[in-house]
Amino acid sequence: MGTEARRALIAAALLAAAPGRARAQDWHVVPPAVTFVASGGSWQVGTNRGYHRLLVIGGDADRSGPRLVIQWIQETANPNRSYVRQTQPIHAIEAPWVLGQPQFVTGTNGIRATITGTNATNHCTGVWTITLGPPGQYGVQPDRSATPTC
């Protein structure tokens, strides 16, 4: 795993594990390896509620490791404060994929996001659907309805 990607994952993990509950708006801790950020959807567990954030990790195509990180952002009574409740790197999409901007889709099947990637080795494209739930609950499936191109 490259240095930039390692820093991105460490920053995401530190945000999630920080004893002072790192605020979700702490923009200055986003490392340059993060190429896209998208927020959307909602979740609720008991009285706790929040939304999802997807971080796309860029870098060179030869590095290993996850290209996508999910964060569950928990809202507080103060609308100007929220924090990262949990962070999960997605190992289902790794090198040599280079990912684009995630798109959130809300429908009758719950909260989903789609993401398109290009294989840096053979230049094929792929599309994945990420199903998002409460903290720690998600699924990643290749979108078989999308026509792969090479």
C-alpha atoms as a PDB file:
ATOM      1  CA  MET A   1       0.000   0.000   0.000  1.00  0.00           C
ATOM      2  CA  GLY A   2       1.369   3.413  -0.961  1.00  0.00           C
ATOM      3  CA  THR A   3       2.177   6.131   1.556  1.00  0.00           C
ATOM      4  CA  GLU A   4      -0.741   8.383   0.517  1.00  0.00           C
ATOM      5  CA  ALA A   5      -3.256   5.554   0.790  1.00  0.00           C
ATOM      6  CA  ARG A   6      -1.837   4.457   4.129  1.00  0.00           C
ATOM      7  CA  ARG A   7      -2.186   8.021   5.416  1.00  0.00           C
ATOM      8  CA  ALA A   8      -5.782   8.180   4.191  1.00  0.00           C
ATOM      9  CA  LEU A   9      -6.738   4.989   5.989  1.00  0.00           C
ATOM     10  CA  ILE A  10      -4.911   6.031   9.157  1.00  0.00           C
ATOM     11  CA  ALA A  11      -6.665   9.416   9.109  1.00  0.00           C
ATOM     12  CA  ALA A  12     -10.043   7.749   8.619  1.00  0.00           C
ATOM     13  CA  ALA A  13      -9.351   5.287  11.445  1.00  0.00           C
ATOM     14  CA  LEU A  14      -8.162   8.060  13.751  1.00  0.00           C
ATOM     15  CA  LEU A  15     -11.316  10.044  13.052  1.00  0.00           C
ATOM     16  CA  ALA A  16     -13.417   7.057  13.992  1.00  0.00           C
ATOM     17  CA  ALA A  17     -11.453   6.091  17.097  1.00  0.00           C
ATOM     18  CA  ALA A  18     -10.621   9.521  18.485  1.00  0.00           C
ATOM     19  CA  PRO A  19     -11.666   9.663  22.131  1.00  0.00           C
ATOM     20  CA  GLY A  20     -12.863  13.248  21.712  1.00  0.00           C
ATOM     21  CA  ARG A  21     -15.215  12.201  18.915  1.00  0.00           C
ATOM     22  CA  ALA A  22     -13.626  13.870  15.939  1.00  0.00           C
ATOM     23  CA  ARG A  23     -16.039  16.163  14.190  1.00  0.00           C
ATOM     24  CA  ALA A  24     -17.134  15.039  10.773  1.00  0.00           C
ATOM     25  CA  GLN A  25     -16.364  18.522   9.427  1.00  0.00           C
ATOM     26  CA  ASP A  26     -12.637  18.406  10.307  1.00  0.00           C
ATOM     27  CA  TRP A  27     -11.588  19.060   6.727  1.00  0.00           C
ATOM     28  CA  HIS A  28      -7.929  19.625   7.552  1.00  0.00           C
ATOM     29  CA  VAL A  29      -7.371  15.905   8.262  1.00  0.00           C
ATOM     30  CA  VAL A  30      -8.362  14.757   4.762  1.00  0.00           C
ATOM     31  CA  PRO A  31      -5.153  13.535   3.096  1.00  0.00           C
ATOM     32  CA  PRO A  32      -4.408  14.218  -0.574  1.00  0.00           C
ATOM     33  CA  ALA A  33      -4.948  10.542  -1.492  1.00  0.00           C
ATOM     34  CA  VAL A  34      -8.704  11.084  -0.997  1.00  0.00           C
ATOM     35  CA  THR A  35      -9.916  11.960  -4.488  1.00  0.00           C
ATOM     36  CA  PHE A  36     -13.701  12.016  -3.960  1.00  0.00           C
ATOM     37  CA  VAL A  37     -16.048  12.357  -0.995  1.00  0.00           C
ATOM     38  CA  ALA A  38     -19.807  11.844  -1.176  1.00  0.00           C
ATOM     39  CA  SER A  39     -22.348  12.012   1.633  1.00  0.00           C
ATOM     40  CA  GLY A  40     -25.915  10.797   1.572  1.00  0.00           C
ATOM     41  CA  GLY A  41     -28.595   8.510   2.850  1.00  0.00           C
ATOM     42  CA  SER A  42     -29.532   8.152   6.482  1.00  0.00           C
ATOM     43  CA  TRP A  43     -29.433   5.555   9.228  1.00  0.00           C
ATOM     44  CA  GLN A  44     -30.963   5.204  12.681  1.00  0.00           C
ATOM     45  CA  VAL A  45     -30.263   2.878  15.602  1.00  0.00           C
ATOM     46  CA  GLY A  46     -32.480   3.615  18.601  1.00  0.00           C
ATOM     47  CA  THR A  47     -32.197   7.343  19.245  1.00  0.00           C
ATOM     48  CA  ASN A  48     -28.917   7.616  17.334  1.00  0.00           C
ATOM     49  CA  ARG A  49     -29.103   8.769  13.737  1.00  0.00           C
ATOM     50  CA  GLY A  50     -26.834   9.990  11.018  1.00  0.00           C
ATOM     51  CA  TYR A  51     -25.771   9.639   7.409  1.00  0.00           C
ATOM     52  CA  HIS A  52     -23.182   7.847   5.290  1.00  0.00           C
ATOM     53  CA  ARG A  53     -19.979   9.211   3.792  1.00  0.00           C
ATOM     54  CA  LEU A  54     -17.953   7.460   1.081  1.00  0.00           C
ATOM     55  CA  LEU A  55     -14.283   8.321   0.563  1.00  0.00           C
ATOM     56  CA  VAL A  56     -12.514   7.272  -2.628  1.00  0.00           C
ATOM     57  CA  ILE A  57      -8.795   6.673  -2.218  1.00  0.00           C
ATOM     58  CA  GLY A  58      -6.677   7.486  -5.259  1.00  0.00           C
ATOM     59  CA  GLY A  59      -2.976   7.011  -5.832  1.00  0.00           C
ATOM     60  CA  ASP A  60      -0.966   4.917  -8.192  1.00  0.00           C
ATOM     61  CA  ALA A  61      -2.581   1.874  -9.751  1.00  0.00           C
ATOM     62  CA  ASP A  62       0.133  -0.486  -8.494  1.00  0.00           C
ATOM     63  CA  ARG A  63      -0.565  -0.013  -4.805  1.00  0.00           C
ATOM     64  CA  SER A  64      -2.658  -2.555  -2.988  1.00  0.00           C
ATOM     65  CA  GLY A  65      -5.377  -1.929  -0.460  1.00  0.00           C
ATOM     66  CA  PRO A  66      -8.923  -0.637  -0.475  1.00  0.00           C
ATOM     67  CA  ARG A  67     -10.010   2.087  -2.878  1.00  0.00           C
ATOM     68  CA  LEU A  68     -13.201   2.915  -0.989  1.00  0.00           C
ATOM     69  CA  VAL A  69     -13.949   3.704   2.662  1.00  0.00           C
ATOM     70  CA  ILE A  70     -17.407   3.973   4.264  1.00  0.00           C
ATOM     71  CA  GLN A  71     -17.947   6.233   7.249  1.00  0.00           C
ATOM     72  CA  TRP A  72     -21.087   6.374   9.350  1.00  0.00           C
ATOM     73  CA  ILE A  73     -21.502   9.953  10.557  1.00  0.00           C
ATOM     74  CA  GLN A  74     -23.539  10.387  13.731  1.00  0.00           C
ATOM     75  CA  GLU A  75     -25.456  13.605  14.203  1.00  0.00           C
ATOM     76  CA  THR A  76     -25.827  15.305  17.575  1.00  0.00           C
ATOM     77  CA  ALA A  77     -28.405  17.649  19.095  1.00  0.00           C
ATOM     78  CA  ASN A  78     -26.227  20.531  17.884  1.00  0.00           C
ATOM     79  CA  PRO A  79     -26.795  20.723  14.090  1.00  0.00           C
ATOM     80  CA  ASN A  80     -23.278  22.124  13.645  1.00  0.00           C
ATOM     81  CA  ARG A  81     -21.621  19.110  15.284  1.00  0.00           C
ATOM     82  CA  SER A  82     -21.423  15.534  14.145  1.00  0.00           C
ATOM     83  CA  TYR A  83     -18.778  12.855  14.454  1.00  0.00           C
ATOM     84  CA  VAL A  84     -17.501   9.739  12.723  1.00  0.00           C
ATOM     85  CA  ARG A  85     -19.098   6.818  14.536  1.00  0.00           C
ATOM     86  CA  GLN A  86     -17.480   4.056  12.475  1.00  0.00           C
ATOM     87  CA  THR A  87     -15.109   3.666   9.532  1.00  0.00           C
ATOM     88  CA  GLN A  88     -14.884   0.596   7.302  1.00  0.00           C
ATOM     89  CA  PRO A  89     -12.437   0.121   4.400  1.00  0.00           C
ATOM     90  CA  ILE A  90     -14.004  -1.834   1.532  1.00  0.00           C
ATOM     91  CA  HIS A  91     -11.663  -4.620   0.450  1.00  0.00           C
ATOM     92  CA  ALA A  92     -13.995  -5.846  -2.314  1.00  0.00           C
ATOM     93  CA  ILE A  93     -12.676  -3.122  -4.635  1.00  0.00           C
ATOM     94  CA  GLU A  94      -8.887  -2.970  -4.632  1.00  0.00           C
ATOM     95  CA  ALA A  95      -6.045  -2.403  -7.086  1.00  0.00           C
ATOM     96  CA  PRO A  96      -5.844  -2.059 -10.012  1.00  0.00           C
ATOM     97  CA  TRP A  97      -9.229  -0.249  -9.948  1.00  0.00           C
ATOM     98  CA  VAL A  98      -9.281   3.533 -10.154  1.00  0.00           C
ATOM     99  CA  LEU A  99     -12.664   4.762  -8.913  1.00  0.00           C
ATOM    100  CA  GLY A 100     -14.817   7.744  -9.815  1.00  0.00           C
ATOM    101  CA  GLN A 101     -17.291   9.822  -7.814  1.00  0.00           C
ATOM    102  CA  PRO A 102     -19.823   7.736  -5.852  1.00  0.00           C
ATOM    103  CA  GLN A 103     -23.500   8.487  -6.511  1.00  0.00           C
ATOM    104  CA  PHE A 104     -26.149   7.985  -3.808  1.00  0.00           C
ATOM    105  CA  VAL A 105     -29.495   6.512  -4.853  1.00  0.00           C
ATOM    106  CA  THR A 106     -32.465   6.448  -2.471  1.00  0.00           C
ATOM    107  CA  GLY A 107     -35.292   4.135  -3.378  1.00  0.00           C
ATOM    108  CA  THR A 108     -37.693   1.533  -2.099  1.00  0.00           C
ATOM    109  CA  ASN A 109     -34.793  -0.894  -1.596  1.00  0.00           C
ATOM    110  CA  GLY A 110     -33.056   1.319   0.977  1.00  0.00           C
ATOM    111  CA  ILE A 111     -29.948   3.425   0.657  1.00  0.00           C
ATOM    112  CA  ARG A 112     -27.569   2.509  -2.129  1.00  0.00           C
ATOM    113  CA  ALA A 113     -24.623   4.093  -3.835  1.00  0.00           C
ATOM    114  CA  THR A 114     -23.086   3.241  -7.170  1.00  0.00           C
ATOM    115  CA  ILE A 115     -19.498   3.707  -8.173  1.00  0.00           C
ATOM    116  CA  THR A 116     -17.726   3.223 -11.485  1.00  0.00           C
ATOM    117  CA  GLY A 117     -14.116   2.238 -11.844  1.00  0.00           C
ATOM    118  CA  THR A 118     -11.529   1.715 -14.535  1.00  0.00           C
ATOM    119  CA  ASN A 119      -9.056  -1.137 -14.378  1.00  0.00           C
ATOM    120  CA  ALA A 120      -5.655   0.514 -14.742  1.00  0.00           C
ATOM    121  CA  THR A 121      -4.154  -2.650 -16.233  1.00  0.00           C
ATOM    122  CA  ASN A 122      -6.577  -3.475 -19.060  1.00  0.00           C
ATOM    123  CA  HIS A 123      -8.731  -0.294 -19.105  1.00  0.00           C
ATOM    124  CA  CYS A 124     -11.984  -2.212 -18.603  1.00  0.00           C
ATOM    125  CA  THR A 125     -14.720  -0.465 -16.651  1.00  0.00           C
ATOM    126  CA  GLY A 126     -16.765  -1.863 -13.820  1.00  0.00           C
ATOM    127  CA  VAL A 127     -19.723  -0.688 -11.773  1.00  0.00           C
ATOM    128  CA  TRP A 128     -20.512  -1.645  -8.180  1.00  0.00           C
ATOM    129  CA  THR A 129     -23.578  -1.142  -6.024  1.00  0.00           C
ATOM    130  CA  ILE A 130     -23.022  -0.508  -2.324  1.00  0.00           C
ATOM    131  CA  THR A 131     -26.008  -1.181  -0.057  1.00  0.00           C
ATOM    132  CA  LEU A 132     -25.773   0.918   3.095  1.00  0.00           C
ATOM    133  CA  GLY A 133     -27.394   0.329   6.465  1.00  0.00           C
ATOM    134  CA  PRO A 134     -26.742   1.256  10.087  1.00  0.00           C
ATOM    135  CA  PRO A 135     -23.121   1.414  11.333  1.00  0.00           C
ATOM    136  CA  GLY A 136     -21.154  -1.623  10.250  1.00  0.00           C
ATOM    137  CA  GLN A 137     -23.818  -2.948   7.891  1.00  0.00           C
ATOM    138  CA  TYR A 138     -23.183  -2.771   4.158  1.00  0.00           C
ATOM    139  CA  GLY A 139     -22.913  -4.906   1.053  1.00  0.00           C
ATOM    140  CA  VAL A 140     -20.922  -4.544  -2.163  1.00  0.00           C
ATOM    141  CA  GLN A 141     -21.995  -6.201  -5.403  1.00  0.00           C
ATOM    142  CA  PRO A 142     -20.760  -5.829  -8.977  1.00  0.00           C
ATOM    143  CA  ASP A 143     -23.555  -4.345 -11.077  1.00  0.00           C
ATOM    144  CA  ARG A 144     -24.202  -7.122 -13.588  1.00  0.00           C
ATOM    145  CA  SER A 145     -26.764  -4.988 -15.430  1.00  0.00           C
ATOM    146  CA  ALA A 146     -24.048  -2.506 -16.438  1.00  0.00           C
ATOM    147  CA  THR A 147     -22.254  -3.407 -19.620  1.00  0.00           C
ATOM    148  CA  PRO A 148     -18.520  -3.727 -18.963  1.00  0.00           C
ATOM    149  CA  THR A 149     -16.323  -2.112 -21.576  1.00  0.00           C
ATOM    150  CA  CYS A 150     -12.721  -2.891 -22.414  1.00  0.00           C
END
